[in-house]
C-alpha atoms as a PDB file:
ATOM      1  CA  MET A   1     194.923 -49.740 270.409  1.00  0.00           C
ATOM      2  CA  SER A   2     192.313 -50.420 272.998  1.00  0.00           C
ATOM      3  CA  GLN A   3     191.177 -46.764 272.928  1.00  0.00           C
ATOM      4  CA  VAL A   4     190.790 -46.944 269.089  1.00  0.00           C
ATOM      5  CA  ALA A   5     188.657 -50.086 269.342  1.00  0.00           C
ATOM      6  CA  ARG A   6     186.569 -48.282 271.957  1.00  0.00           C
ATOM      7  CA  GLU A   7     186.222 -45.011 269.837  1.00  0.00           C
ATOM      8  CA  THR A   8     185.274 -47.118 266.837  1.00  0.00           C
ATOM      9  CA  GLY A   9     182.456 -48.960 268.690  1.00  0.00           C
ATOM     10  CA  LEU A  10     184.261 -52.274 268.316  1.00  0.00           C
ATOM     11  CA  LEU A  11     183.816 -52.963 272.065  1.00  0.00           C
ATOM     12  CA  ARG A  12     179.983 -52.514 272.039  1.00  0.00           C
ATOM     13  CA  ARG A  13     177.717 -55.562 272.390  1.00  0.00           C
ATOM     14  CA  ALA A  14     175.872 -56.962 269.420  1.00  0.00           C
ATOM     15  CA  PRO A  15     172.601 -58.303 270.860  1.00  0.00           C
ATOM     16  CA  TRP A  16     170.806 -58.668 267.560  1.00  0.00           C
ATOM     17  CA  PHE A  17     173.603 -60.765 266.269  1.00  0.00           C
ATOM     18  CA  TYR A  18     173.414 -63.223 269.000  1.00  0.00           C
ATOM     19  CA  ALA A  19     169.565 -63.313 268.974  1.00  0.00           C
ATOM     20  CA  ILE A  20     169.657 -64.327 265.360  1.00  0.00           C
ATOM     21  CA  VAL A  21     172.242 -67.132 265.919  1.00  0.00           C
ATOM     22  CA  GLY A  22     170.511 -68.420 268.962  1.00  0.00           C
ATOM     23  CA  ALA A  23     167.240 -68.501 267.005  1.00  0.00           C
ATOM     24  CA  ALA A  24     168.926 -70.110 263.999  1.00  0.00           C
ATOM     25  CA  ILE A  25     170.369 -72.778 266.249  1.00  0.00           C
ATOM     26  CA  ALA A  26     167.033 -73.344 268.090  1.00  0.00           C
ATOM     27  CA  VAL A  27     165.226 -73.740 264.666  1.00  0.00           C
ATOM     28  CA  ALA A  28     167.848 -76.199 263.558  1.00  0.00           C
ATOM     29  CA  PHE A  29     167.366 -78.251 266.866  1.00  0.00           C
ATOM     30  CA  GLY A  30     163.688 -78.184 266.110  1.00  0.00           C
ATOM     31  CA  GLY A  31     164.288 -79.677 262.758  1.00  0.00           C
ATOM     32  CA  ALA A  32     166.536 -82.286 263.855  1.00  0.00           C
ATOM     33  CA  VAL A  33     164.030 -83.392 266.512  1.00  0.00           C
ATOM     34  CA  THR A  34     161.252 -83.519 263.843  1.00  0.00           C
ATOM     35  CA  GLY A  35     163.486 -85.440 261.588  1.00  0.00           C
ATOM     36  CA  PHE A  36     164.367 -87.779 264.467  1.00  0.00           C
ATOM     37  CA  ILE A  37     160.572 -88.439 265.116  1.00  0.00           C
ATOM     38  CA  LEU A  38     159.607 -88.936 261.522  1.00  0.00           C
ATOM     39  CA  LEU A  39     162.399 -91.060 260.517  1.00  0.00           C
ATOM     40  CA  GLY A  40     161.850 -93.628 263.385  1.00  0.00           C
ATOM     41  CA  ASP A  41     163.555 -97.085 263.221  1.00  0.00           C
ATOM     42  CA  SER A  42     165.961 -96.189 260.304  1.00  0.00           C
ATOM     43  CA  TRP A  43     169.723 -95.892 259.944  1.00  0.00           C
ATOM     44  CA  PHE A  44     169.238 -92.571 258.355  1.00  0.00           C
ATOM     45  CA  GLN A  45     168.968 -91.534 262.060  1.00  0.00           C
ATOM     46  CA  LEU A  46     172.813 -91.245 261.924  1.00  0.00           C
ATOM     47  CA  LEU A  47     172.552 -88.277 259.767  1.00  0.00           C
ATOM     48  CA  ILE A  48     170.384 -86.648 262.541  1.00  0.00           C
ATOM     49  CA  ALA A  49     173.154 -87.825 265.048  1.00  0.00           C
ATOM     50  CA  GLY A  50     175.907 -86.015 262.986  1.00  0.00           C
ATOM     51  CA  ALA A  51     173.636 -82.873 262.625  1.00  0.00           C
ATOM     52  CA  LEU A  52     173.152 -82.712 266.543  1.00  0.00           C
ATOM     53  CA  GLY A  53     177.091 -83.011 266.979  1.00  0.00           C
ATOM     54  CA  ILE A  54     177.406 -80.027 264.864  1.00  0.00           C
ATOM     55  CA  LEU A  55     174.576 -78.169 266.638  1.00  0.00           C
ATOM     56  CA  PHE A  56     175.930 -78.900 270.107  1.00  0.00           C
ATOM     57  CA  THR A  57     179.361 -77.579 268.935  1.00  0.00           C
ATOM     58  CA  GLN A  58     177.523 -74.302 267.939  1.00  0.00           C
ATOM     59  CA  VAL A  59     175.996 -74.164 271.366  1.00  0.00           C
ATOM     60  CA  ALA A  60     179.475 -74.549 272.737  1.00  0.00           C
ATOM     61  CA  PHE A  61     180.721 -71.648 270.889  1.00  0.00           C
ATOM     62  CA  LEU A  62     177.924 -69.469 272.221  1.00  0.00           C
ATOM     63  CA  ALA A  63     178.667 -70.647 275.877  1.00  0.00           C
ATOM     64  CA  HIS A  64     182.334 -69.728 275.180  1.00  0.00           C
ATOM     65  CA  GLU A  65     181.385 -66.052 274.334  1.00  0.00           C
ATOM     66  CA  ALA A  66     178.879 -65.839 277.126  1.00  0.00           C
ATOM     67  CA  ALA A  67     181.775 -66.925 279.496  1.00  0.00           C
ATOM     68  CA  HIS A  68     183.782 -64.042 278.112  1.00  0.00           C
ATOM     69  CA  ARG A  69     180.776 -61.788 278.916  1.00  0.00           C
ATOM     70  CA  VAL A  70     180.107 -60.806 275.293  1.00  0.00           C
ATOM     71  CA  ILE A  71     176.310 -61.617 274.814  1.00  0.00           C
ATOM     72  CA  LEU A  72     174.404 -60.012 277.696  1.00  0.00           C
ATOM     73  CA  LYS A  73     174.656 -56.688 279.470  1.00  0.00           C
ATOM     74  CA  THR A  74     175.979 -57.810 282.936  1.00  0.00           C
ATOM     75  CA  GLY A  75     178.571 -60.269 284.111  1.00  0.00           C
ATOM     76  CA  PRO A  76     176.339 -62.232 286.225  1.00  0.00           C
ATOM     77  CA  ALA A  77     173.794 -62.581 283.519  1.00  0.00           C
ATOM     78  CA  ASN A  78     176.435 -63.926 281.021  1.00  0.00           C
ATOM     79  CA  ASP A  79     177.814 -66.315 283.600  1.00  0.00           C
ATOM     80  CA  ARG A  80     174.256 -67.874 284.175  1.00  0.00           C
ATOM     81  CA  LEU A  81     173.739 -68.079 280.394  1.00  0.00           C
ATOM     82  CA  ALA A  82     177.127 -69.696 279.960  1.00  0.00           C
ATOM     83  CA  ARG A  83     176.295 -72.344 282.608  1.00  0.00           C
ATOM     84  CA  VAL A  84     173.006 -73.008 281.125  1.00  0.00           C
ATOM     85  CA  LEU A  85     174.547 -73.351 277.626  1.00  0.00           C
ATOM     86  CA  ALA A  86     177.354 -75.638 278.862  1.00  0.00           C
ATOM     87  CA  GLY A  87     174.680 -77.796 280.608  1.00  0.00           C
ATOM     88  CA  LEU A  88     172.878 -78.111 277.420  1.00  0.00           C
ATOM     89  CA  VAL A  89     176.148 -79.314 275.758  1.00  0.00           C
ATOM     90  CA  GLY A  90     176.795 -81.769 278.511  1.00  0.00           C
ATOM     91  CA  MET A  91     179.836 -79.930 280.005  1.00  0.00           C
ATOM     92  CA  SER A  92     180.661 -78.313 283.457  1.00  0.00           C
ATOM     93  CA  TYR A  93     180.948 -74.632 283.080  1.00  0.00           C
ATOM     94  CA  SER A  94     182.995 -74.171 286.229  1.00  0.00           C
ATOM     95  CA  TRP A  95     185.541 -76.760 285.184  1.00  0.00           C
ATOM     96  CA  TRP A  96     185.756 -75.199 281.620  1.00  0.00           C
ATOM     97  CA  ASP A  97     185.835 -71.496 282.718  1.00  0.00           C
ATOM     98  CA  SER A  98     188.691 -72.109 285.261  1.00  0.00           C
ATOM     99  CA  LYS A  99     190.811 -73.901 282.695  1.00  0.00           C
ATOM    100  CA  HIS A 100     190.097 -71.415 279.764  1.00  0.00           C
ATOM    101  CA  SER A 101     190.819 -68.333 282.054  1.00  0.00           C
ATOM    102  CA  ARG A 102     194.266 -69.814 282.849  1.00  0.00           C
ATOM    103  CA  HIS A 103     194.863 -70.372 279.135  1.00  0.00           C
ATOM    104  CA  HIS A 104     193.957 -66.769 278.219  1.00  0.00           C
ATOM    105  CA  ALA A 105     196.338 -65.433 280.802  1.00  0.00           C
ATOM    106  CA  ASN A 106     199.279 -67.398 279.606  1.00  0.00           C
ATOM    107  CA  PRO A 107     198.740 -69.032 276.214  1.00  0.00           C
ATOM    108  CA  ASN A 108     201.421 -71.563 275.335  1.00  0.00           C
ATOM    109  CA  LYS A 109     203.432 -70.920 278.448  1.00  0.00           C
ATOM    110  CA  VAL A 110     204.971 -74.034 280.169  1.00  0.00           C
ATOM    111  CA  GLY A 111     203.495 -74.717 283.547  1.00  0.00           C
ATOM    112  CA  LYS A 112     200.765 -71.936 283.104  1.00  0.00           C
ATOM    113  CA  ASP A 113     198.491 -73.034 280.091  1.00  0.00           C
ATOM    114  CA  PRO A 114     196.587 -76.175 280.834  1.00  0.00           C
ATOM    115  CA  ASP A 115     195.917 -76.543 277.142  1.00  0.00           C
ATOM    116  CA  ILE A 116     199.523 -77.654 276.629  1.00  0.00           C
ATOM    117  CA  GLU A 117     199.640 -80.067 279.474  1.00  0.00           C
ATOM    118  CA  VAL A 118     199.899 -83.623 278.514  1.00  0.00           C
ATOM    119  CA  ASP A 119     196.778 -85.673 278.090  1.00  0.00           C
ATOM    120  CA  THR A 120     196.720 -88.492 275.464  1.00  0.00           C
ATOM    121  CA  ILE A 121     198.578 -86.111 273.234  1.00  0.00           C
ATOM    122  CA  SER A 122     201.943 -84.586 274.298  1.00  0.00           C
ATOM    123  CA  PHE A 123     202.452 -81.013 273.284  1.00  0.00           C
ATOM    124  CA  LEU A 124     205.928 -80.551 274.782  1.00  0.00           C
ATOM    125  CA  ASP A 125     209.100 -82.570 274.060  1.00  0.00           C
ATOM    126  CA  GLU A 126     209.677 -83.377 277.715  1.00  0.00           C
ATOM    127  CA  ASP A 127     206.158 -84.885 278.119  1.00  0.00           C
ATOM    128  CA  ALA A 128     206.616 -86.925 274.976  1.00  0.00           C
ATOM    129  CA  ALA A 129     209.879 -88.205 276.289  1.00  0.00           C
ATOM    130  CA  GLU A 130     208.251 -89.285 279.409  1.00  0.00           C
ATOM    131  CA  ALA A 131     205.524 -91.291 277.732  1.00  0.00           C
ATOM    132  CA  ARG A 132     205.303 -95.019 278.653  1.00  0.00           C
ATOM    133  CA  GLY A 133     203.148 -97.902 277.580  1.00  0.00           C
ATOM    134  CA  LEU A 134     200.260 -97.319 275.307  1.00  0.00           C
ATOM    135  CA  ARG A 135     200.707 -93.485 275.522  1.00  0.00           C
ATOM    136  CA  ARG A 136     204.209 -93.866 274.212  1.00  0.00           C
ATOM    137  CA  LEU A 137     202.915 -95.937 271.105  1.00  0.00           C
ATOM    138  CA  ILE A 138     200.409 -93.166 270.535  1.00  0.00           C
ATOM    139  CA  THR A 139     202.836 -90.334 270.988  1.00  0.00           C
ATOM    140  CA  ARG A 140     205.098 -91.716 268.415  1.00  0.00           C
ATOM    141  CA  LYS A 141     202.527 -91.081 265.616  1.00  0.00           C
ATOM    142  CA  GLN A 142     200.450 -88.511 267.429  1.00  0.00           C
ATOM    143  CA  GLY A 143     200.222 -86.095 264.677  1.00  0.00           C
ATOM    144  CA  TRP A 144     198.603 -88.662 262.296  1.00  0.00           C
ATOM    145  CA  LEU A 145     196.376 -89.897 265.151  1.00  0.00           C
ATOM    146  CA  PHE A 146     195.278 -86.570 266.372  1.00  0.00           C
ATOM    147  CA  PHE A 147     192.036 -86.203 264.407  1.00  0.00           C
ATOM    148  CA  PRO A 148     191.086 -89.870 264.713  1.00  0.00           C
ATOM    149  CA  LEU A 149     191.602 -89.497 268.514  1.00  0.00           C
ATOM    150  CA  LEU A 150     189.342 -86.388 268.448  1.00  0.00           C
ATOM    151  CA  THR A 151     186.340 -88.761 267.988  1.00  0.00           C
ATOM    152  CA  LEU A 152     186.738 -89.619 271.633  1.00  0.00           C
ATOM    153  CA  GLU A 153     186.997 -86.029 272.695  1.00  0.00           C
ATOM    154  CA  GLY A 154     183.182 -85.565 273.107  1.00  0.00           C
ATOM    155  CA  LEU A 155     183.104 -88.413 275.608  1.00  0.00           C
ATOM    156  CA  ASN A 156     186.251 -87.202 277.321  1.00  0.00           C
ATOM    157  CA  LEU A 157     184.833 -83.621 277.884  1.00  0.00           C
ATOM    158  CA  HIS A 158     181.706 -85.406 279.542  1.00  0.00           C
ATOM    159  CA  TYR A 159     183.812 -87.428 281.652  1.00  0.00           C
ATOM    160  CA  LEU A 160     186.073 -84.550 282.855  1.00  0.00           C
ATOM    161  CA  SER A 161     183.069 -82.524 283.532  1.00  0.00           C
ATOM    162  CA  VAL A 162     181.505 -85.245 285.771  1.00  0.00           C
ATOM    163  CA  LYS A 163     184.771 -85.965 287.376  1.00  0.00           C
ATOM    164  CA  HIS A 164     185.181 -82.246 288.309  1.00  0.00           C
ATOM    165  CA  LEU A 165     181.719 -81.900 289.781  1.00  0.00           C
ATOM    166  CA  LEU A 166     181.991 -85.064 291.810  1.00  0.00           C
ATOM    167  CA  SER A 167     185.394 -84.148 293.220  1.00  0.00           C
ATOM    168  CA  ARG A 168     185.971 -83.174 296.629  1.00  0.00           C
ATOM    169  CA  GLN A 169     187.368 -79.758 295.810  1.00  0.00           C
ATOM    170  CA  PRO A 170     185.256 -76.550 296.100  1.00  0.00           C
ATOM    171  CA  VAL A 171     183.093 -76.118 292.935  1.00  0.00           C
ATOM    172  CA  LYS A 172     180.999 -72.935 292.483  1.00  0.00           C
ATOM    173  CA  GLY A 173     177.642 -73.904 291.461  1.00  0.00           C
ATOM    174  CA  ARG A 174     178.184 -77.729 291.707  1.00  0.00           C
ATOM    175  CA  TRP A 175     174.428 -78.784 292.417  1.00  0.00           C
ATOM    176  CA  LEU A 176     173.119 -76.386 289.862  1.00  0.00           C
ATOM    177  CA  GLU A 177     175.543 -77.821 287.103  1.00  0.00           C
ATOM    178  CA  LEU A 178     174.924 -81.371 288.157  1.00  0.00           C
ATOM    179  CA  ALA A 179     171.130 -80.831 288.024  1.00  0.00           C
ATOM    180  CA  LEU A 180     171.418 -79.198 284.519  1.00  0.00           C
ATOM    181  CA  MET A 181     173.642 -82.089 283.203  1.00  0.00           C
ATOM    182  CA  THR A 182     171.461 -84.759 284.779  1.00  0.00           C
ATOM    183  CA  ALA A 183     168.417 -83.165 283.095  1.00  0.00           C
ATOM    184  CA  ARG A 184     170.217 -82.718 279.834  1.00  0.00           C
ATOM    185  CA  PHE A 185     171.210 -86.393 279.590  1.00  0.00           C
ATOM    186  CA  ALA A 186     167.876 -87.766 280.897  1.00  0.00           C
ATOM    187  CA  LEU A 187     166.114 -85.593 278.216  1.00  0.00           C
ATOM    188  CA  TYR A 188     168.576 -86.505 275.547  1.00  0.00           C
ATOM    189  CA  LEU A 189     169.081 -90.183 276.083  1.00  0.00           C
ATOM    190  CA  THR A 190     165.586 -91.393 277.015  1.00  0.00           C
ATOM    191  CA  PRO A 191     163.866 -90.719 273.668  1.00  0.00           C
ATOM    192  CA  ILE A 192     166.959 -92.192 271.814  1.00  0.00           C
ATOM    193  CA  PHE A 193     166.724 -95.499 273.721  1.00  0.00           C
ATOM    194  CA  LEU A 194     162.838 -95.641 273.727  1.00  0.00           C
ATOM    195  CA  LEU A 195     162.492 -94.950 270.053  1.00  0.00           C
ATOM    196  CA  LEU A 196     165.312 -96.789 268.549  1.00  0.00           C
ATOM    197  CA  PRO A 197     166.755-100.386 268.761  1.00  0.00           C
ATOM    198  CA  VAL A 198     169.541-100.683 271.359  1.00  0.00           C
ATOM    199  CA  GLY A 199     172.156-101.206 268.641  1.00  0.00           C
ATOM    200  CA  MET A 200     171.063 -98.266 266.620  1.00  0.00           C
ATOM    201  CA  ALA A 201     170.766 -96.111 269.764  1.00  0.00           C
ATOM    202  CA  PHE A 202     174.317 -96.744 270.634  1.00  0.00           C
ATOM    203  CA  ALA A 203     175.377 -95.994 267.013  1.00  0.00           C
ATOM    204  CA  PHE A 204     173.448 -92.791 267.190  1.00  0.00           C
ATOM    205  CA  LEU A 205     175.359 -91.695 270.287  1.00  0.00           C
ATOM    206  CA  GLY A 206     178.600 -92.835 268.968  1.00  0.00           C
ATOM    207  CA  VAL A 207     178.216 -90.590 265.731  1.00  0.00           C
ATOM    208  CA  GLN A 208     176.926 -87.594 267.705  1.00  0.00           C
ATOM    209  CA  LEU A 209     179.720 -87.852 270.095  1.00  0.00           C
ATOM    210  CA  ALA A 210     182.376 -88.322 267.371  1.00  0.00           C
ATOM    211  CA  VAL A 211     181.162 -85.426 265.217  1.00  0.00           C
ATOM    212  CA  PHE A 212     180.933 -83.192 268.324  1.00  0.00           C
ATOM    213  CA  GLY A 213     184.576 -84.159 269.461  1.00  0.00           C
ATOM    214  CA  VAL A 214     186.022 -83.768 266.020  1.00  0.00           C
ATOM    215  CA  TYR A 215     184.204 -80.497 265.398  1.00  0.00           C
ATOM    216  CA  MET A 216     185.320 -78.953 268.747  1.00  0.00           C
ATOM    217  CA  GLY A 217     188.918 -80.189 268.387  1.00  0.00           C
ATOM    218  CA  ALA A 218     189.167 -78.968 264.742  1.00  0.00           C
ATOM    219  CA  ALA A 219     187.777 -75.573 265.796  1.00  0.00           C
ATOM    220  CA  PHE A 220     190.231 -75.114 268.799  1.00  0.00           C
ATOM    221  CA  ALA A 221     193.426 -76.934 267.491  1.00  0.00           C
ATOM    222  CA  PRO A 222     194.401 -74.284 264.777  1.00  0.00           C
ATOM    223  CA  ASN A 223     194.509 -71.437 267.386  1.00  0.00           C
ATOM    224  CA  HIS A 224     197.735 -72.167 269.124  1.00  0.00           C
ATOM    225  CA  LYS A 225     199.310 -75.523 268.405  1.00  0.00           C
ATOM    226  CA  GLY A 226     202.362 -75.247 266.436  1.00  0.00           C
ATOM    227  CA  MET A 227     202.841 -71.658 267.658  1.00  0.00           C
ATOM    228  CA  PRO A 228     205.755 -70.570 269.830  1.00  0.00           C
ATOM    229  CA  VAL A 229     205.899 -72.109 273.241  1.00  0.00           C
ATOM    230  CA  ILE A 230     206.886 -69.703 276.136  1.00  0.00           C
ATOM    231  CA  ALA A 231     209.473 -70.986 278.748  1.00  0.00           C
ATOM    232  CA  PRO A 232     208.395 -70.754 282.293  1.00  0.00           C
ATOM    233  CA  THR A 233     210.818 -67.940 283.153  1.00  0.00           C
ATOM    234  CA  ALA A 234     210.273 -65.829 280.027  1.00  0.00           C
ATOM    235  CA  LYS A 235     208.887 -62.428 280.392  1.00  0.00           C
ATOM    236  CA  LEU A 236     206.717 -60.945 277.699  1.00  0.00           C
ATOM    237  CA  ASP A 237     204.429 -57.979 277.469  1.00  0.00           C
ATOM    238  CA  PHE A 238     200.775 -58.604 277.050  1.00  0.00           C
ATOM    239  CA  PHE A 239     200.718 -57.698 273.436  1.00  0.00           C
ATOM    240  CA  SER A 240     203.534 -59.838 272.353  1.00  0.00           C
ATOM    241  CA  LYS A 241     202.494 -62.765 274.372  1.00  0.00           C
ATOM    242  CA  GLN A 242     198.907 -62.947 273.001  1.00  0.00           C
ATOM    243  CA  VAL A 243     199.975 -62.258 269.425  1.00  0.00           C
ATOM    244  CA  ARG A 244     203.162 -64.345 269.152  1.00  0.00           C
ATOM    245  CA  THR A 245     201.340 -67.556 270.438  1.00  0.00           C
ATOM    246  CA  SER A 246     197.982 -67.085 268.447  1.00  0.00           C
ATOM    247  CA  ARG A 247     197.171 -67.974 264.898  1.00  0.00           C
ATOM    248  CA  ASN A 248     194.268 -66.561 262.757  1.00  0.00           C
ATOM    249  CA  ILE A 249     192.497 -68.587 260.055  1.00  0.00           C
ATOM    250  CA  SER A 250     191.670 -66.837 256.742  1.00  0.00           C
ATOM    251  CA  GLY A 251     188.446 -67.172 255.005  1.00  0.00           C
ATOM    252  CA  GLY A 252     186.197 -64.334 256.179  1.00  0.00           C
ATOM    253  CA  TRP A 253     182.735 -64.876 257.047  1.00  0.00           C
ATOM    254  CA  TRP A 254     182.268 -68.483 256.190  1.00  0.00           C
ATOM    255  CA  ALA A 255     185.190 -69.281 258.644  1.00  0.00           C
ATOM    256  CA  THR A 256     183.594 -67.109 261.250  1.00  0.00           C
ATOM    257  CA  TRP A 257     180.427 -69.150 261.156  1.00  0.00           C
ATOM    258  CA  LEU A 258     182.287 -72.438 260.956  1.00  0.00           C
ATOM    259  CA  LEU A 259     184.594 -71.731 263.874  1.00  0.00           C
ATOM    260  CA  GLY A 260     182.407 -69.530 265.907  1.00  0.00           C
ATOM    261  CA  GLY A 261     184.773 -66.463 265.717  1.00  0.00           C
ATOM    262  CA  LEU A 262     187.773 -68.585 266.700  1.00  0.00           C
ATOM    263  CA  ASN A 263     189.310 -67.870 263.405  1.00  0.00           C
ATOM    264  CA  TYR A 264     190.186 -64.348 264.694  1.00  0.00           C
ATOM    265  CA  GLN A 265     192.124 -66.021 267.529  1.00  0.00           C
ATOM    266  CA  VAL A 266     194.609 -62.970 267.794  1.00  0.00           C
ATOM    267  CA  GLU A 267     191.903 -60.439 268.161  1.00  0.00           C
ATOM    268  CA  HIS A 268     189.976 -62.617 270.624  1.00  0.00           C
ATOM    269  CA  HIS A 269     192.943 -62.951 272.751  1.00  0.00           C
ATOM    270  CA  LEU A 270     193.720 -59.166 272.708  1.00  0.00           C
ATOM    271  CA  PHE A 271     189.909 -58.265 273.201  1.00  0.00           C
ATOM    272  CA  PRO A 272     188.484 -61.272 274.844  1.00  0.00           C
ATOM    273  CA  SER A 273     185.056 -59.406 275.521  1.00  0.00           C
ATOM    274  CA  MET A 274     184.672 -58.321 271.992  1.00  0.00           C
ATOM    275  CA  ALA A 275     181.562 -59.543 270.190  1.00  0.00           C
ATOM    276  CA  ARG A 276     182.062 -61.942 267.182  1.00  0.00           C
ATOM    277  CA  PRO A 277     180.989 -59.458 264.356  1.00  0.00           C
ATOM    278  CA  HIS A 278     183.444 -56.946 265.352  1.00  0.00           C
ATOM    279  CA  LEU A 279     186.570 -59.159 265.381  1.00  0.00           C
ATOM    280  CA  SER A 280     187.059 -58.826 261.629  1.00  0.00           C
ATOM    281  CA  LYS A 281     187.134 -54.968 261.947  1.00  0.00           C
ATOM    282  CA  ALA A 282     189.631 -55.244 264.778  1.00  0.00           C
ATOM    283  CA  ARG A 283     192.005 -57.208 262.666  1.00  0.00           C
ATOM    284  CA  ALA A 284     193.208 -54.109 260.664  1.00  0.00           C
ATOM    285  CA  ILE A 285     193.852 -52.240 263.949  1.00  0.00           C
ATOM    286  CA  VAL A 286     195.880 -55.022 265.353  1.00  0.00           C
ATOM    287  CA  ARG A 287     197.899 -55.614 262.250  1.00  0.00           C
ATOM    288  CA  THR A 288     198.750 -51.961 262.110  1.00  0.00           C
ATOM    289  CA  GLN A 289     199.975 -52.187 265.732  1.00  0.00           C
ATOM    290  CA  CYS A 290     201.928 -55.359 264.887  1.00  0.00           C
ATOM    291  CA  ASP A 291     203.847 -53.570 261.893  1.00  0.00           C
ATOM    292  CA  ALA A 292     204.536 -50.697 264.197  1.00  0.00           C
ATOM    293  CA  LEU A 293     206.082 -52.796 266.952  1.00  0.00           C
ATOM    294  CA  GLY A 294     207.608 -55.361 264.715  1.00  0.00           C
ATOM    295  CA  VAL A 295     205.569 -58.189 266.199  1.00  0.00           C
ATOM    296  CA  PRO A 296     204.770 -61.171 263.751  1.00  0.00           C
ATOM    297  CA  TYR A 297     201.074 -61.510 262.945  1.00  0.00           C
ATOM    298  CA  THR A 298     200.303 -65.109 261.924  1.00  0.00           C
ATOM    299  CA  GLU A 299     197.362 -65.997 259.595  1.00  0.00           C
ATOM    300  CA  THR A 300     196.961 -69.106 257.303  1.00  0.00           C
ATOM    301  CA  THR A 301     194.204 -71.272 255.780  1.00  0.00           C
ATOM    302  CA  LEU A 302     192.351 -73.626 257.726  1.00  0.00           C
ATOM    303  CA  TRP A 303     193.714 -76.604 255.800  1.00  0.00           C
ATOM    304  CA  ARG A 304     197.282 -75.288 256.156  1.00  0.00           C
ATOM    305  CA  SER A 305     196.735 -74.908 259.826  1.00  0.00           C
ATOM    306  CA  TYR A 306     195.662 -78.628 260.171  1.00  0.00           C
ATOM    307  CA  GLY A 307     198.950 -79.415 258.341  1.00  0.00           C
ATOM    308  CA  ILE A 308     201.098 -77.264 260.704  1.00  0.00           C
ATOM    309  CA  VAL A 309     199.298 -78.915 263.672  1.00  0.00           C
ATOM    310  CA  ILE A 310     199.781 -82.511 262.495  1.00  0.00           C
ATOM    311  CA  GLY A 311     203.671 -81.566 261.488  1.00  0.00           C
ATOM    312  CA  TYR A 312     204.223 -80.001 264.965  1.00  0.00           C
ATOM    313  CA  LEU A 313     202.776 -82.905 266.938  1.00  0.00           C
ATOM    314  CA  ASN A 314     204.739 -85.410 264.919  1.00  0.00           C
ATOM    315  CA  ARG A 315     207.954 -83.521 265.644  1.00  0.00           C
ATOM    316  CA  VAL A 316     207.222 -83.499 269.295  1.00  0.00           C
ATOM    317  CA  GLY A 317     206.364 -87.203 269.024  1.00  0.00           C
ATOM    318  CA  LEU A 318     209.973 -87.960 268.001  1.00  0.00           C
ATOM    319  CA  ALA A 319     211.010 -87.454 271.583  1.00  0.00           C
ATOM    320  CA  ALA A 320     208.952 -90.625 272.417  1.00  0.00           C
ATOM    321  CA  ARG A 321     210.707 -92.837 269.905  1.00  0.00           C
ATOM    322  CA  ASP A 322     213.427 -95.234 270.471  1.00  0.00           C
ATOM    323  CA  PRO A 323     216.566 -93.386 269.612  1.00  0.00           C
ATOM    324  CA  PHE A 324     218.000 -96.860 268.276  1.00  0.00           C
ATOM    325  CA  ASP A 325     214.823 -97.326 266.171  1.00  0.00           C
ATOM    326  CA  CYS A 326     216.202 -97.116 262.738  1.00  0.00           C
ATOM    327  CA  PRO A 327     216.863 -99.615 259.944  1.00  0.00           C
ATOM    328  CA  VAL A 328     220.663 -99.672 260.333  1.00  0.00           C
ATOM    329  CA  SER A 329     220.697-100.228 264.224  1.00  0.00           C
ATOM    330  CA  ALA A 330     217.859-102.742 263.684  1.00  0.00           C
ATOM    331  CA  GLN A 331     220.232-104.696 261.596  1.00  0.00           C
ATOM    332  CA  TYR A 332     222.870-104.578 264.391  1.00  0.00           C
ATOM    333  CA  ARG A 333     220.322-105.790 266.961  1.00  0.00           C
ATOM    334  CA  ARG A 334     219.281-108.830 264.761  1.00  0.00           C
ATOM    335  CA  GLY A 335     222.930-109.761 264.337  1.00  0.00           C
END
């Protein structure tokens, strides 16, 4: 399969594509800054804040692809680009890269994939069963609360990045990343609080962070949540492991632009260094291989994927509920 992809040119880079995407994002940022200056003291600034949340997510998509060494010719050049782009978003590249590399090596494998480790949300029954206090209350309805909680994800990503960079563990590029993030927040926050009233400035930040968090979460959630979870002792070959745990989103070009190529999650996991424009072409090759090997290939609509994620999280959340919490037993308890 890899040989076919190589022979058909699907593993070649796409510099013009990324140049156009980068230029479009830069022009959009320029428009947002111009709009911010022209609007001045106006609540219409919240529209600019929402636009910035979308644009920062698009930059994060490019950082993701640079981290996979897709955009530039050499690995070190891609790493430098990814670090700068992550800094522009306000995230630590070293923290995210370590986490994401472990995810790619063992998607949805218990004890190996950090993306299914418990945070506020529990992705495994055993984690849900151990939830206590406020987290237990959240876990009981975590499917329905998932998207509302994503409004805080942008703030959480900033916090985890800073926490990682200030930790005592060895961090490659620590001071460079701290410098990039400090410069980013200074250049971003200063004009907001200088040109807007304090209340409006905080509202601006709240909207931007909420849109950024929801967009990021909504782009990454459909990829693996609700797909088979691999037991710690299970042994699967690379192809089966990557395909069985990944879900594609249908929709073609619009989904590719909206999700930064993450709609072709199966192909991305099989060919992590494949450029975004080639993923749709690789889909036919992968589906042929799946048919030959009898491996299920999962693809659904974006809205259906969200329904699956919500349903899965609610099912997991059942483990956090009181086994006696039902109307009949409640009657006995009152008696």
